[in-house]
Amino acid sequence: MDITVVAAHAMQQDAARLQGIAQNLGNALTPGYKKQLSVGAGFAAQFSAAGAASAPAQASQALGAPMRVVLDASSGTLRGTGNGSDVAIDGDGFFELSTPSGPLYTRRGALRLDAAGRLVGPQERPVMGSSGTVVLNGDPFKIMPNGDIVQGGSTVARLRLVRFQEPGLLEPAGAGSYALGGATLDEAPFVPRLRIGYEENSNVDSAREMVNMTETMRHFEAMQKIVQGYDELLEKSIRKLGEF
């Protein structure tokens, strides 16, 4: 078994993990952002896979992809804004946004009307209601805890909220929004619970991410020393053989 293959693969995983940590720290203040988790095989499984291979190329193939990224879809804390058009989801669910390339999903509920009277969310993307894009006139409106939108004393629309069977497989699309990716919509009906006048914070714990960054960098440095030590040992062995 070539230990450098295992060490190189571990360093690739560390690099991917550092990229995810940097992404999390950069979005620690983005409302509705869900932190990224880098998931890979454990060291024991990698070592066994490399040991079963008969050649370095086979060992590298046996170790598989360096890392895959999933989302931590747990809720963030809520921050009171006092703005009646700011809504936060209490429990499961995502708002649905309309884009030219297909729907996106977000927990970010800072809603407002654009110049065309459409209710929009992050990056001016229209928010979907149960019957399509929500379009209102210029009169004041109120969002109810069940998602109803009341204007002029009448319910004119209802926000569309969706749930996923595997929300961790959603793909980041920027500004706290996510594409469907490998997730699957949960078609079971549910009653949304909204907190009016609140916005959901990112679920990133900055202190924890800094600890993860330090641990990952130290592990990367340890793998570097293994490769360097193995290279020095190989060099000494070759030099000794040359003396005979």
Foldseek 3Di string as FASTA:
>chain_A
DDVLLLLVLLLLLLVVQLVQLVVCLVQQFQFQAWGKDKDADDSVCLVVQLVVDDDSVSSNVSRPDSTDIWTDNDFFDKDFQQDQQFKAWDDFWWWWFDDPVGIKTARWRNWDQDPQQWIATPPRTFTAFPVGTDGDDPADWGADQQQFIDGPNDGDTGTDIWGWPRRRQWDDDDSRMTHCGPIHTDPDDDGIGMDGRMTTGYRDDNVVSVVVNVVSVVSSVVSVVVVVVVVVVVVVVVVVVVVD
